[in-house]
C-alpha atoms as a PDB file:
ATOM      1  CA  MET A   1     100.232  41.182 128.690  1.00  0.00           C
ATOM      2  CA  HIS A   2     102.463  39.935 131.693  1.00  0.00           C
ATOM      3  CA  ILE A   3     104.128  42.436 134.190  1.00  0.00           C
ATOM      4  CA  ASN A   4     107.391  41.200 135.233  1.00  0.00           C
ATOM      5  CA  LEU A   5     109.221  42.445 137.942  1.00  0.00           C
ATOM      6  CA  GLU A   6     112.788  41.222 137.698  1.00  0.00           C
ATOM      7  CA  LEU A   7     115.425  41.830 140.869  1.00  0.00           C
ATOM      8  CA  PRO A   8     119.111  41.334 140.124  1.00  0.00           C
ATOM      9  CA  LYS A   9     121.135  38.635 141.669  1.00  0.00           C
ATOM     10  CA  LEU A  10     121.596  38.686 144.933  1.00  0.00           C
ATOM     11  CA  PRO A  11     124.935  37.195 146.881  1.00  0.00           C
ATOM     12  CA  LEU A  12     124.039  34.570 149.260  1.00  0.00           C
ATOM     13  CA  SER A  13     127.552  34.217 150.764  1.00  0.00           C
ATOM     14  CA  TYR A  14     127.380  36.800 153.529  1.00  0.00           C
ATOM     15  CA  VAL A  15     124.579  34.038 155.130  1.00  0.00           C
ATOM     16  CA  LYS A  16     125.266  31.959 158.202  1.00  0.00           C
ATOM     17  CA  SER A  17     121.309  30.886 158.892  1.00  0.00           C
ATOM     18  CA  LYS A  18     120.555  27.308 157.570  1.00  0.00           C
ATOM     19  CA  TYR A  19     116.993  28.907 155.857  1.00  0.00           C
ATOM     20  CA  LEU A  20     115.827  31.770 154.425  1.00  0.00           C
ATOM     21  CA  TYR A  21     112.584  32.797 153.277  1.00  0.00           C
ATOM     22  CA  ILE A  22     111.944  36.042 151.210  1.00  0.00           C
ATOM     23  CA  VAL A  23     109.281  38.462 152.729  1.00  0.00           C
ATOM     24  CA  TRP A  24     107.295  41.379 150.391  1.00  0.00           C
ATOM     25  CA  LYS A  25     106.017  44.437 151.214  1.00  0.00           C
ATOM     26  CA  ILE A  26     103.248  44.908 149.217  1.00  0.00           C
ATOM     27  CA  CYS A  27     100.190  47.009 149.204  1.00  0.00           C
ATOM     28  CA  ILE A  28      97.072  45.530 147.087  1.00  0.00           C
ATOM     29  CA  LYS A  29      95.243  48.406 145.770  1.00  0.00           C
ATOM     30  CA  ASN A  30      92.756  46.955 143.648  1.00  0.00           C
ATOM     31  CA  ILE A  31      91.989  43.799 141.514  1.00  0.00           C
ATOM     32  CA  LEU A  32      90.023  44.696 138.307  1.00  0.00           C
ATOM     33  CA  SER A  33      90.166  40.562 136.762  1.00  0.00           C
ATOM     34  CA  LYS A  34      88.737  37.578 138.405  1.00  0.00           C
ATOM     35  CA  ASN A  35      91.210  35.246 136.300  1.00  0.00           C
ATOM     36  CA  ILE A  36      94.214  36.922 137.726  1.00  0.00           C
ATOM     37  CA  THR A  37      97.109  34.890 139.095  1.00  0.00           C
ATOM     38  CA  MET A  38     100.469  36.557 141.068  1.00  0.00           C
ATOM     39  CA  ASN A  39     103.745  34.220 140.683  1.00  0.00           C
ATOM     40  CA  PHE A  40     106.239  35.056 143.265  1.00  0.00           C
ATOM     41  CA  ILE A  41     109.880  33.384 141.460  1.00  0.00           C
ATOM     42  CA  VAL A  42     112.867  32.784 143.091  1.00  0.00           C
ATOM     43  CA  ASP A  43     115.836  31.774 141.134  1.00  0.00           C
ATOM     44  CA  ILE A  44     118.981  30.651 143.442  1.00  0.00           C
ATOM     45  CA  GLY A  45     121.963  29.487 141.476  1.00  0.00           C
ATOM     46  CA  VAL A  46     125.947  28.044 141.667  1.00  0.00           C
ATOM     47  CA  GLU A  47     128.669  30.691 140.005  1.00  0.00           C
ATOM     48  CA  PRO A  48     131.013  28.621 137.855  1.00  0.00           C
ATOM     49  CA  SER A  49     134.302  28.514 139.920  1.00  0.00           C
ATOM     50  CA  LEU A  50     138.109  27.854 139.365  1.00  0.00           C
ATOM     51  CA  TYR A  51     137.794  24.938 141.767  1.00  0.00           C
ATOM     52  CA  TYR A  52     135.781  22.809 139.683  1.00  0.00           C
ATOM     53  CA  SER A  53     133.832  22.808 136.482  1.00  0.00           C
ATOM     54  CA  LEU A  54     130.117  22.572 136.909  1.00  0.00           C
ATOM     55  CA  PRO A  55     128.088  24.416 134.809  1.00  0.00           C
ATOM     56  CA  ASP A  56     126.162  27.351 135.887  1.00  0.00           C
ATOM     57  CA  GLN A  57     123.661  25.521 138.030  1.00  0.00           C
ATOM     58  CA  HIS A  58     120.100  27.022 139.549  1.00  0.00           C
ATOM     59  CA  GLN A  59     117.234  26.009 140.642  1.00  0.00           C
ATOM     60  CA  LYS A  60     113.764  27.873 139.750  1.00  0.00           C
ATOM     61  CA  LYS A  61     111.349  27.941 142.727  1.00  0.00           C
ATOM     62  CA  GLU A  62     107.688  28.930 142.236  1.00  0.00           C
ATOM     63  CA  CYS A  63     104.796  30.614 144.815  1.00  0.00           C
ATOM     64  CA  ARG A  64     101.711  30.886 142.873  1.00  0.00           C
ATOM     65  CA  LEU A  65      98.518  33.569 143.832  1.00  0.00           C
ATOM     66  CA  LYS A  66      95.237  33.123 142.260  1.00  0.00           C
ATOM     67  CA  TYR A  67      92.291  35.773 142.927  1.00  0.00           C
ATOM     68  CA  ASP A  68      90.565  34.010 146.017  1.00  0.00           C
ATOM     69  CA  ASP A  69      94.425  34.804 147.567  1.00  0.00           C
ATOM     70  CA  LEU A  70      94.595  38.404 146.391  1.00  0.00           C
ATOM     71  CA  SER A  71      91.347  39.502 147.153  1.00  0.00           C
ATOM     72  CA  LYS A  72      92.096  38.861 150.656  1.00  0.00           C
ATOM     73  CA  LEU A  73      94.702  41.877 150.814  1.00  0.00           C
ATOM     74  CA  VAL A  74      92.756  44.635 148.998  1.00  0.00           C
ATOM     75  CA  GLY A  75      92.150  47.386 150.471  1.00  0.00           C
ATOM     76  CA  ILE A  76      93.965  46.541 154.289  1.00  0.00           C
ATOM     77  CA  GLY A  77      97.177  48.786 153.097  1.00  0.00           C
ATOM     78  CA  TRP A  78     100.365  47.363 153.461  1.00  0.00           C
ATOM     79  CA  ILE A  79     102.010  43.928 154.657  1.00  0.00           C
ATOM     80  CA  GLU A  80     104.898  41.821 154.468  1.00  0.00           C
ATOM     81  CA  TYR A  81     104.040  38.793 152.816  1.00  0.00           C
ATOM     82  CA  THR A  82     106.593  35.717 153.603  1.00  0.00           C
ATOM     83  CA  ILE A  83     105.985  33.622 150.203  1.00  0.00           C
ATOM     84  CA  PRO A  84     106.612  29.997 151.362  1.00  0.00           C
ATOM     85  CA  ILE A  85     110.159  29.174 150.115  1.00  0.00           C
ATOM     86  CA  ASN A  86     112.826  28.415 151.548  1.00  0.00           C
ATOM     87  CA  ILE A  87     116.777  29.073 150.281  1.00  0.00           C
ATOM     88  CA  GLU A  88     119.579  27.073 151.714  1.00  0.00           C
ATOM     89  CA  PRO A  89     122.335  29.304 151.308  1.00  0.00           C
ATOM     90  CA  ASN A  90     124.989  27.047 152.273  1.00  0.00           C
ATOM     91  CA  LYS A  91     124.487  25.060 148.837  1.00  0.00           C
ATOM     92  CA  PHE A  92     123.926  28.009 146.289  1.00  0.00           C
ATOM     93  CA  ASP A  93     125.967  31.345 145.649  1.00  0.00           C
ATOM     94  CA  TRP A  94     122.997  33.818 144.444  1.00  0.00           C
ATOM     95  CA  VAL A  95     119.417  34.741 144.856  1.00  0.00           C
ATOM     96  CA  GLN A  96     117.294  37.027 142.294  1.00  0.00           C
ATOM     97  CA  PRO A  97     113.261  37.275 143.556  1.00  0.00           C
ATOM     98  CA  SER A  98     111.027  38.249 140.710  1.00  0.00           C
ATOM     99  CA  ILE A  99     107.105  38.641 140.773  1.00  0.00           C
ATOM    100  CA  THR A 100     105.075  38.002 137.849  1.00  0.00           C
ATOM    101  CA  ALA A 101     101.303  39.243 136.739  1.00  0.00           C
ATOM    102  CA  ASN A 102      99.182  37.551 134.100  1.00  0.00           C
ATOM    103  CA  GLY A 103      98.363  41.313 132.849  1.00  0.00           C
ATOM    104  CA  PRO A 104      97.741  44.324 133.506  1.00  0.00           C
ATOM    105  CA  PHE A 105      94.656  43.651 135.747  1.00  0.00           C
ATOM    106  CA  ILE A 106      96.265  44.239 139.317  1.00  0.00           C
ATOM    107  CA  ASP A 107      96.563  47.687 141.069  1.00  0.00           C
ATOM    108  CA  MET A 108      99.374  46.947 143.347  1.00  0.00           C
ATOM    109  CA  GLN A 109     102.647  48.865 144.907  1.00  0.00           C
ATOM    110  CA  ILE A 110     106.081  46.989 145.998  1.00  0.00           C
ATOM    111  CA  ASP A 111     108.377  48.976 148.882  1.00  0.00           C
ATOM    112  CA  TYR A 112     110.818  46.367 149.841  1.00  0.00           C
ATOM    113  CA  VAL A 113     112.377  42.849 149.457  1.00  0.00           C
ATOM    114  CA  ARG A 114     114.344  41.463 152.428  1.00  0.00           C
ATOM    115  CA  PHE A 115     115.789  38.390 153.568  1.00  0.00           C
ATOM    116  CA  MET A 116     114.443  36.414 157.000  1.00  0.00           C
ATOM    117  CA  GLN A 117     115.559  33.657 158.856  1.00  0.00           C
ATOM    118  CA  PHE A 118     112.186  31.805 159.709  1.00  0.00           C
ATOM    119  CA  GLU A 119     108.689  31.745 158.109  1.00  0.00           C
ATOM    120  CA  ARG A 120     106.324  33.839 159.202  1.00  0.00           C
ATOM    121  CA  ASP A 121     102.086  35.140 158.709  1.00  0.00           C
ATOM    122  CA  PRO A 122     101.846  38.323 156.718  1.00  0.00           C
ATOM    123  CA  ILE A 123     102.263  41.481 159.085  1.00  0.00           C
ATOM    124  CA  TYR A 124      99.763  44.081 158.500  1.00  0.00           C
ATOM    125  CA  PHE A 125     100.542  47.662 159.020  1.00  0.00           C
ATOM    126  CA  PRO A 126      97.680  49.825 159.831  1.00  0.00           C
ATOM    127  CA  LYS A 127      96.540  52.906 158.035  1.00  0.00           C
ATOM    128  CA  MET A 128      97.341  55.866 160.049  1.00  0.00           C
ATOM    129  CA  GLY A 129      94.479  58.074 158.823  1.00  0.00           C
ATOM    130  CA  HIS A 130      91.887  57.565 161.379  1.00  0.00           C
ATOM    131  CA  LEU A 131      94.687  58.935 164.193  1.00  0.00           C
ATOM    132  CA  LEU A 132      94.541  62.628 161.858  1.00  0.00           C
ATOM    133  CA  PRO A 133      92.262  65.501 162.313  1.00  0.00           C
ATOM    134  CA  ILE A 134      89.296  66.041 159.826  1.00  0.00           C
ATOM    135  CA  TYR A 135      90.237  69.955 159.836  1.00  0.00           C
ATOM    136  CA  LYS A 136      93.385  70.515 158.302  1.00  0.00           C
ATOM    137  CA  PHE A 137      95.619  72.819 161.292  1.00  0.00           C
ATOM    138  CA  HIS A 138      95.393  75.972 161.404  1.00  0.00           C
ATOM    139  CA  PRO A 139      97.426  78.334 163.366  1.00  0.00           C
ATOM    140  CA  ASN A 140      94.497  80.603 164.508  1.00  0.00           C
ATOM    141  CA  ILE A 141      92.440  78.071 166.065  1.00  0.00           C
ATOM    142  CA  LEU A 142      94.819  77.628 169.013  1.00  0.00           C
ATOM    143  CA  ASN A 143      94.995  81.207 169.976  1.00  0.00           C
ATOM    144  CA  SER A 144      91.362  81.310 170.395  1.00  0.00           C
ATOM    145  CA  LYS A 145      90.902  78.167 172.555  1.00  0.00           C
ATOM    146  CA  TYR A 146      93.991  78.039 175.156  1.00  0.00           C
ATOM    147  CA  PHE A 147      94.960  80.718 175.504  1.00  0.00           C
ATOM    148  CA  LEU A 148      93.506  84.251 176.028  1.00  0.00           C
ATOM    149  CA  GLU A 149      93.797  87.019 174.160  1.00  0.00           C
ATOM    150  CA  LYS A 150      95.602  89.511 176.761  1.00  0.00           C
ATOM    151  CA  GLU A 151      98.263  86.461 177.498  1.00  0.00           C
ATOM    152  CA  THR A 152      99.458  86.110 174.182  1.00  0.00           C
ATOM    153  CA  GLU A 153     100.259  89.857 173.803  1.00  0.00           C
ATOM    154  CA  ASP A 154     102.612  89.788 176.439  1.00  0.00           C
ATOM    155  CA  LEU A 155     104.276  87.184 175.252  1.00  0.00           C
ATOM    156  CA  ILE A 156     108.168  88.100 174.476  1.00  0.00           C
ATOM    157  CA  THR A 157     108.860  87.338 170.672  1.00  0.00           C
ATOM    158  CA  MET A 158     111.822  86.252 169.735  1.00  0.00           C
ATOM    159  CA  GLU A 159     113.523  89.399 168.537  1.00  0.00           C
ATOM    160  CA  ASP A 160     112.230  90.606 171.742  1.00  0.00           C
ATOM    161  CA  ILE A 161     115.412  87.517 173.332  1.00  0.00           C
ATOM    162  CA  ILE A 162     117.592  89.231 170.176  1.00  0.00           C
ATOM    163  CA  ASN A 163     117.180  92.976 171.082  1.00  0.00           C
ATOM    164  CA  TYR A 164     117.931  92.304 174.382  1.00  0.00           C
ATOM    165  CA  LEU A 165     120.932  90.846 173.304  1.00  0.00           C
END
């Protein structure tokens, strides 16, 4: 069984840079088999036009990650992974990114796909759970720690302000 995610064709007419790279924001939670491979596939092509009579030309470029590469990404949270495929937008009219995996052996999520003008190392989004308190926040906790009970009785409530007006 193969897992396929094929995005729609995206036009390249708005792009003014010489090269483009595709960035995937992914989170790989678990790998269930050592013979897993994930393919990032980029189809790029030219639409037929009234001005020239060429058939629909397209190229397919592929970047394959094997188990060793994927295992480094397991459990680190969200990352932006730039695939090492450059696209020349001045030669093509559209691009269609897709991703395939060779079976249901990977537990992962994809947040978005975007374009960049240069290739770079993966960006790691840190897990923020360690910054949050361990206990659940309860409103009565603050009353005993920061305010004396007598002071809280003397505070003006919103009803007092409305009644005064």
